[in-house]
Protein backbone atom coordinates (compact mmCIF):
# COMPACT_ATOMS: atom_id res chain seq x y z
CA MET A 1 21.31 45.45 -0.90
CA VAL A 2 22.85 41.85 -0.95
CA LYS A 3 22.97 40.19 -4.33
CA ALA A 4 22.39 36.56 -4.72
CA ASN A 5 25.42 34.49 -5.55
CA PRO A 6 24.85 32.73 -8.97
CA LYS A 7 27.30 29.99 -7.98
CA ILE A 8 25.52 29.17 -4.91
CA PHE A 9 22.04 29.25 -6.56
CA ARG A 10 23.48 26.98 -9.33
CA GLN A 11 24.90 24.51 -6.81
CA ALA A 12 21.64 24.38 -4.87
CA TRP A 13 19.68 23.80 -8.08
CA GLN A 14 22.09 21.04 -9.12
CA GLU A 15 21.76 19.39 -5.66
CA LYS A 16 17.85 19.40 -5.90
CA LEU A 17 18.01 17.94 -9.45
CA VAL A 18 20.33 15.13 -8.15
CA ALA A 19 18.04 14.49 -5.26
CA TYR A 20 14.88 14.19 -7.31
CA ALA A 21 16.50 12.52 -10.32
CA PRO A 22 15.66 8.90 -9.38
CA TYR A 23 12.02 9.96 -8.96
CA ILE A 24 11.91 11.87 -12.18
CA LEU A 25 13.73 8.95 -14.11
CA LEU A 26 11.45 6.29 -12.54
CA SER A 27 8.30 8.34 -13.29
CA LEU A 28 9.33 8.76 -16.87
CA ILE A 29 10.03 5.09 -17.31
CA LEU A 30 6.67 4.21 -15.78
CA ILE A 31 4.89 6.69 -18.06
CA ILE A 32 6.61 5.73 -21.33
CA TRP A 33 7.15 2.02 -20.97
CA PRO A 34 3.59 0.62 -20.47
CA PRO A 35 2.48 0.53 -24.09
CA PHE A 36 5.60 -1.66 -24.99
CA MET A 37 5.23 -3.97 -22.09
CA SER A 38 3.94 -7.66 -22.54
CA PRO A 39 0.41 -8.19 -21.02
CA TYR A 40 1.84 -10.32 -18.17
CA VAL A 41 4.53 -7.71 -17.30
CA LYS A 42 1.87 -4.88 -17.39
CA SER A 43 -0.46 -6.84 -15.04
CA MET A 44 2.47 -7.37 -12.61
CA MET A 45 3.25 -3.58 -12.74
CA ILE A 46 -0.37 -2.76 -12.06
CA GLN A 47 -0.28 -5.14 -9.08
CA ILE A 48 2.94 -3.61 -7.70
CA LEU A 49 1.36 -0.29 -7.87
CA ILE A 50 -1.82 -1.44 -6.09
CA PHE A 51 0.02 -3.26 -3.48
CA GLY A 52 2.27 -0.30 -3.11
CA ILE A 53 -0.74 1.66 -2.02
CA PHE A 54 -1.91 -1.17 0.21
CA ALA A 55 1.46 -1.46 1.92
CA LEU A 56 1.75 2.24 2.38
CA SER A 57 -1.69 2.20 4.09
CA LEU A 58 -0.61 -0.52 6.54
CA ASN A 59 2.60 1.35 7.29
CA ILE A 60 0.41 4.18 8.64
CA ILE A 61 -0.78 1.89 11.38
CA PHE A 62 2.19 -0.40 11.74
CA GLY A 63 5.36 1.68 10.86
CA TYR A 64 4.36 5.13 12.05
CA THR A 65 1.81 4.25 14.88
CA GLY A 66 3.37 0.98 16.07
CA LEU A 67 0.17 -1.15 15.90
CA PHE A 68 0.89 -4.67 14.70
CA SER A 69 -2.29 -5.44 12.69
CA LEU A 70 -3.01 -8.80 11.04
CA GLY A 71 -6.52 -7.85 9.87
CA HIS A 72 -5.69 -5.10 7.43
CA ALA A 73 -6.86 -7.20 4.49
CA ALA A 74 -10.45 -6.74 5.74
CA PHE A 75 -10.64 -3.19 4.38
CA PHE A 76 -8.81 -4.22 1.17
CA GLY A 77 -11.27 -7.07 0.66
CA VAL A 78 -14.44 -5.21 1.60
CA SER A 79 -13.66 -2.55 -0.81
CA GLY A 80 -12.91 -5.05 -3.55
CA TYR A 81 -16.06 -7.03 -2.94
CA THR A 82 -18.20 -3.84 -2.86
CA THR A 83 -16.72 -3.09 -6.32
CA ALA A 84 -17.23 -6.52 -7.59
CA ILE A 85 -20.84 -6.75 -6.40
CA LEU A 86 -21.77 -3.40 -7.95
CA MET A 87 -20.12 -4.11 -11.22
CA THR A 88 -21.05 -7.78 -11.65
CA SER A 89 -24.42 -8.04 -9.90
CA TYR A 90 -25.93 -4.60 -10.61
CA GLY A 91 -24.14 -3.60 -13.84
CA ILE A 92 -22.79 -0.37 -12.52
CA GLU A 93 -19.44 0.02 -14.26
CA SER A 94 -18.79 3.82 -13.70
CA PHE A 95 -15.40 4.32 -11.74
CA TRP A 96 -16.94 7.43 -10.31
CA LEU A 97 -19.76 5.40 -8.59
CA VAL A 98 -18.06 2.15 -7.53
CA ALA A 99 -14.80 3.76 -6.29
CA PRO A 100 -16.49 6.07 -3.63
CA ALA A 101 -18.78 3.21 -2.62
CA GLY A 102 -15.81 0.72 -2.06
CA ILE A 103 -13.76 3.35 -0.20
CA ILE A 104 -16.63 4.46 1.93
CA MET A 105 -17.29 0.79 2.98
CA ALA A 106 -13.71 0.24 3.87
CA THR A 107 -13.55 3.46 5.80
CA LEU A 108 -16.68 2.66 7.74
CA LEU A 109 -15.46 -0.88 8.64
CA ALA A 110 -12.17 0.60 9.86
CA ALA A 111 -14.14 3.06 11.98
CA ILE A 112 -16.04 0.02 13.48
CA TYR A 113 -13.20 -2.26 13.74
CA GLY A 114 -11.02 0.40 15.33
CA ILE A 115 -13.40 0.90 18.27
CA ILE A 116 -13.25 -2.81 19.08
CA ALA A 117 -9.50 -3.48 18.37
CA LEU A 118 -8.21 -0.48 20.24
CA ARG A 119 -9.80 -1.49 23.44
CA VAL A 120 -6.64 -3.71 23.83
CA SER A 121 -2.98 -3.32 23.08
CA GLY A 122 0.09 -5.33 22.27
CA ILE A 123 -0.28 -8.97 21.44
CA TYR A 124 -4.02 -8.79 22.19
CA PHE A 125 -4.47 -6.15 19.57
CA LEU A 126 -2.73 -8.38 16.93
CA PHE A 127 -5.09 -11.21 17.87
CA VAL A 128 -8.30 -9.21 17.88
CA THR A 129 -7.40 -7.67 14.36
CA LEU A 130 -6.76 -11.22 13.19
CA ALA A 131 -10.06 -12.49 14.49
CA LEU A 132 -11.95 -9.62 12.94
CA GLY A 133 -10.37 -10.18 9.58
CA GLU A 134 -11.18 -13.93 9.82
CA LEU A 135 -14.79 -13.11 10.71
CA LEU A 136 -15.21 -11.37 7.39
CA TYR A 137 -13.41 -14.19 5.56
CA GLY A 138 -16.07 -16.55 7.16
CA VAL A 139 -18.91 -14.35 6.08
CA ALA A 140 -17.53 -14.14 2.52
CA LEU A 141 -17.16 -17.93 2.42
CA ARG A 142 -20.77 -18.74 3.54
CA TRP A 143 -22.76 -15.91 1.99
CA ARG A 144 -22.78 -17.58 -1.36
CA THR A 145 -25.80 -15.71 -2.79
CA VAL A 146 -23.85 -12.39 -2.56
CA THR A 147 -20.07 -13.22 -2.52
CA GLY A 148 -20.12 -16.47 -4.59
CA GLY A 149 -18.68 -18.40 -1.62
CA SER A 150 -15.41 -20.21 -2.26
CA ASN A 151 -15.84 -19.76 -5.98
CA GLY A 152 -15.58 -16.04 -5.41
CA MET A 153 -16.79 -13.44 -7.98
CA PRO A 154 -15.11 -13.85 -11.37
CA GLY A 155 -15.50 -11.74 -14.44
CA ILE A 156 -15.01 -8.29 -12.90
CA PRO A 157 -14.59 -5.83 -15.88
CA TYR A 158 -12.53 -2.69 -16.09
CA PRO A 159 -14.47 0.36 -14.86
CA THR A 160 -15.47 3.14 -17.22
CA LEU A 161 -14.44 6.76 -16.74
CA GLY A 162 -17.11 8.36 -18.91
CA LEU A 163 -14.50 9.26 -21.52
CA PRO A 164 -14.63 8.60 -25.33
CA PHE A 165 -12.48 5.51 -25.17
CA THR A 166 -12.73 1.88 -24.16
CA MET A 167 -10.85 1.07 -20.94
CA THR A 168 -7.89 -1.32 -21.86
CA ALA A 169 -5.10 -2.69 -19.64
CA THR A 170 -2.86 0.11 -20.73
CA TYR A 171 -5.45 2.82 -19.87
CA PHE A 172 -6.13 0.99 -16.53
CA TYR A 173 -2.40 1.00 -15.86
CA TYR A 174 -2.22 4.85 -16.20
CA LEU A 175 -5.40 5.24 -13.86
CA VAL A 176 -3.66 3.04 -11.33
CA PHE A 177 -0.42 4.99 -11.64
CA ALA A 178 -2.19 8.31 -11.29
CA LEU A 179 -3.94 7.19 -8.09
CA PHE A 180 -0.71 5.73 -6.75
CA ILE A 181 0.97 9.08 -7.15
CA ILE A 182 -2.04 10.88 -5.49
CA CYS A 183 -2.21 8.42 -2.56
CA ALA A 184 1.60 8.51 -1.98
CA PHE A 185 1.54 12.29 -1.92
CA LEU A 186 -1.31 12.39 0.49
CA ILE A 187 0.22 9.82 2.78
CA TYR A 188 3.62 11.64 2.69
CA ARG A 189 1.96 14.95 3.61
CA LEU A 190 0.09 13.28 6.38
CA ILE A 191 3.22 11.67 7.87
CA LYS A 192 5.14 14.98 7.56
CA SER A 193 2.20 16.92 9.38
CA PRO A 194 1.90 17.51 13.17
CA PHE A 195 -0.49 14.54 13.19
CA GLY A 196 2.06 12.27 11.65
CA TYR A 197 4.72 13.39 14.15
CA ALA A 198 2.31 12.77 16.96
CA LEU A 199 1.76 9.15 15.64
CA GLN A 200 5.43 8.57 15.61
CA GLY A 201 5.71 9.91 19.19
CA ILE A 202 3.06 7.43 20.23
CA ARG A 203 5.05 4.68 18.59
CA GLU A 204 8.13 5.62 20.49
CA ASP A 205 6.65 6.32 23.99
CA GLU A 206 2.86 6.42 24.33
CA HIS A 207 2.97 7.26 28.13
CA ARG A 208 5.12 10.34 27.45
CA MET A 209 2.63 11.54 24.76
CA LYS A 210 -0.18 11.06 27.25
CA HIS A 211 1.65 13.17 29.88
CA LEU A 212 2.14 15.87 27.21
CA GLY A 213 -1.57 16.06 26.87
CA TYR A 214 -2.24 14.03 23.68
CA ASN A 215 -5.32 11.80 23.44
CA THR A 216 -3.39 8.86 22.25
CA TRP A 217 -6.44 6.60 21.70
CA LEU A 218 -8.06 9.17 19.51
CA TYR A 219 -4.76 9.54 17.40
CA LYS A 220 -4.52 5.76 17.05
CA TYR A 221 -8.20 5.51 16.17
CA LEU A 222 -7.85 8.21 13.44
CA ALA A 223 -4.68 6.40 12.03
CA PHE A 224 -6.76 3.27 11.95
CA ILE A 225 -9.35 4.86 9.92
CA VAL A 226 -6.96 6.59 7.55
CA GLY A 227 -5.15 3.29 6.96
CA GLY A 228 -8.52 1.71 6.15
CA PHE A 229 -9.33 4.52 3.68
CA PHE A 230 -6.22 3.91 1.62
CA ALA A 231 -6.52 0.19 1.87
CA GLY A 232 -9.92 0.78 0.36
CA VAL A 233 -8.52 2.67 -2.57
CA ALA A 234 -6.22 -0.32 -3.20
CA GLY A 235 -9.07 -2.70 -3.04
CA VAL A 236 -11.19 -0.76 -5.54
CA LEU A 237 -8.39 -0.97 -8.03
CA PHE A 238 -7.51 -4.61 -7.15
CA ALA A 239 -10.96 -6.09 -8.10
CA PRO A 240 -10.97 -5.20 -11.86
CA SER A 241 -7.13 -5.69 -12.13
CA SER A 242 -7.37 -9.37 -10.94
CA SER A 243 -10.89 -9.75 -12.48
CA ILE A 244 -11.87 -11.93 -9.50
CA MET A 245 -12.57 -11.53 -5.68
CA VAL A 246 -12.25 -14.63 -3.34
CA PRO A 247 -12.69 -14.86 0.42
CA ALA A 248 -8.91 -15.21 0.79
CA HIS A 249 -8.54 -11.54 -0.15
CA LEU A 250 -10.27 -10.59 3.26
CA GLY A 251 -8.33 -13.03 5.44
CA ALA A 252 -5.12 -13.60 7.28
CA LEU A 253 -3.18 -14.86 4.14
CA THR A 254 -3.53 -11.49 2.38
CA SER A 255 -2.83 -9.56 5.65
CA THR A 256 0.28 -11.53 6.28
CA LEU A 257 1.41 -11.01 2.72
CA VAL A 258 1.17 -7.20 3.00
CA MET A 259 2.77 -7.21 6.27
CA LEU A 260 5.71 -9.09 4.90
CA MET A 261 6.06 -6.47 2.12
CA VAL A 262 6.19 -3.77 4.64
CA ILE A 263 8.77 -5.56 6.82
CA ILE A 264 11.01 -6.56 3.99
CA GLY A 265 10.84 -3.18 2.43
CA GLY A 266 11.34 -1.44 5.70
CA THR A 267 9.37 0.94 7.91
CA LYS A 268 12.06 3.61 8.37
CA THR A 269 11.76 4.96 4.83
CA PHE A 270 8.64 6.24 3.23
CA PHE A 271 8.88 4.22 -0.06
CA GLY A 272 10.23 1.09 1.83
CA PRO A 273 6.88 -0.68 1.72
CA VAL A 274 6.54 -0.02 -2.00
CA ILE A 275 10.13 -1.56 -2.53
CA GLY A 276 8.90 -4.52 -0.39
CA ALA A 277 5.89 -4.93 -2.61
CA ALA A 278 7.99 -4.82 -5.73
CA ILE A 279 10.32 -7.48 -4.32
CA VAL A 280 7.66 -9.83 -3.34
CA LEU A 281 5.65 -9.67 -6.41
CA PHE A 282 8.75 -9.84 -8.83
CA LEU A 283 9.80 -12.97 -6.91
CA GLN A 284 6.33 -14.46 -7.12
CA TYR A 285 6.42 -13.79 -10.90
CA TYR A 286 9.67 -15.60 -11.48
CA VAL A 287 8.97 -18.41 -9.00
CA SER A 288 5.49 -19.01 -10.79
CA LEU A 289 7.42 -19.55 -14.02
CA TYR A 290 9.56 -22.40 -12.62
CA SER A 291 8.24 -23.79 -9.37
CA PRO A 292 4.91 -22.22 -8.20
CA GLU A 293 4.36 -24.87 -5.58
CA ARG A 294 7.45 -23.79 -3.76
CA TRP A 295 6.41 -20.13 -3.62
CA PRO A 296 5.51 -20.15 0.25
CA LEU A 297 8.95 -21.72 1.07
CA ILE A 298 10.79 -19.12 -1.01
CA LEU A 299 8.82 -16.20 0.52
CA GLY A 300 9.52 -17.47 3.96
CA ALA A 301 13.38 -17.87 3.10
CA VAL A 302 13.36 -14.28 1.75
CA PHE A 303 11.62 -13.08 4.97
CA VAL A 304 14.20 -14.85 7.16
CA LEU A 305 17.14 -13.47 5.18
CA SER A 306 15.86 -9.98 5.28
CA VAL A 307 15.22 -9.80 8.99
CA THR A 308 18.45 -11.48 9.69
CA PHE A 309 20.87 -9.47 7.38
CA LEU A 310 18.69 -6.39 6.45
CA ARG A 311 16.81 -5.79 9.73
CA GLN A 312 15.84 -2.24 8.90
CA GLY A 313 14.41 -3.26 5.53
CA VAL A 314 15.75 -3.14 2.00
CA GLY A 315 14.52 0.40 1.61
CA VAL A 316 17.01 1.88 4.21
CA TYR A 317 19.89 0.30 2.33
CA VAL A 318 18.61 1.62 -0.93
CA LEU A 319 18.49 5.04 0.43
CA ARG A 320 21.96 4.86 1.92
CA LEU A 321 23.36 3.74 -1.38
CA TRP A 322 21.66 6.70 -3.14
CA ASN A 323 22.98 9.17 -0.53
CA ARG A 324 26.47 7.89 -1.11
CA VAL A 325 25.96 8.49 -4.94
CA ARG A 326 24.73 12.09 -4.09
CA TYR A 327 27.60 12.78 -1.87
CA SER A 328 30.01 11.51 -4.34
CA TYR A 329 28.51 13.59 -6.95
CA GLY A 330 28.64 16.63 -4.74
CA SER A 331 32.36 16.07 -3.92
CA ILE A 332 33.15 15.76 -7.64
CA LYS A 333 31.31 19.00 -8.47
CA ASP A 334 33.24 20.82 -5.61
């Protein structure tokens, strides 16, 4: 009978601890810090987590399937508007009612839009998704009796959870953080499943996947629906966090913003889009303090610099830096 070597077991345990250390440390900070945050910083952190889910949902379609969509905000906005209408017009404030309604609406819209958009490919797919998103933007702008038109729907309250406490910004932060962890875990498991590997195969060479017997259209269609589902989760959380929904949340501006987050953060690492969301929103926060009117110019400059000098995205370089730290640690221990 072969006995386990305690030294090897200890070394493997230490390597795992080092590998997961940044995630554990970051999670502890995000759990402990919120009660001590200023209201503005807390609001920004909530937005980063929400847009992190939103960017991860787009990366399913763009990064892993290779579909360049400029209409992803349609699912985000429809979910947010559904939540806003139920809460402000009908007085339904239970999270367990408004959240499923918003997510279902986003998923159904993705199922319908996917059938239309996936009839074409390449640049035509981009234009079709852009047009479909702008269609909803026009509907929200003109359907004033329901959406409030250009004035939007202000005064969206925090949802209730049916628990014996009043929902505050801090409690809402923890709700968003918990859903971010759940969504990130589910998306990660999806990407690491045979379905996720098939999507990556379609991205690299769709013709070869067809010859191998895969129904590539069906895989792309399911990816489109799954992306819409998680965008719906982000939309449900965004409506009460911003307290207002406007037509722009459905249109090309929001779709372009989240696409920039994905590109800046990088599609080659799982958390790249989340890093991109954090960079963009932190920049927006600091620019708004000094020169808010120059925000589009600065965002454009950041995008140009990132694709020029960091073509694989910031996330790849962060991962490489961390791997160097890990290997240095391992060599020291040896």
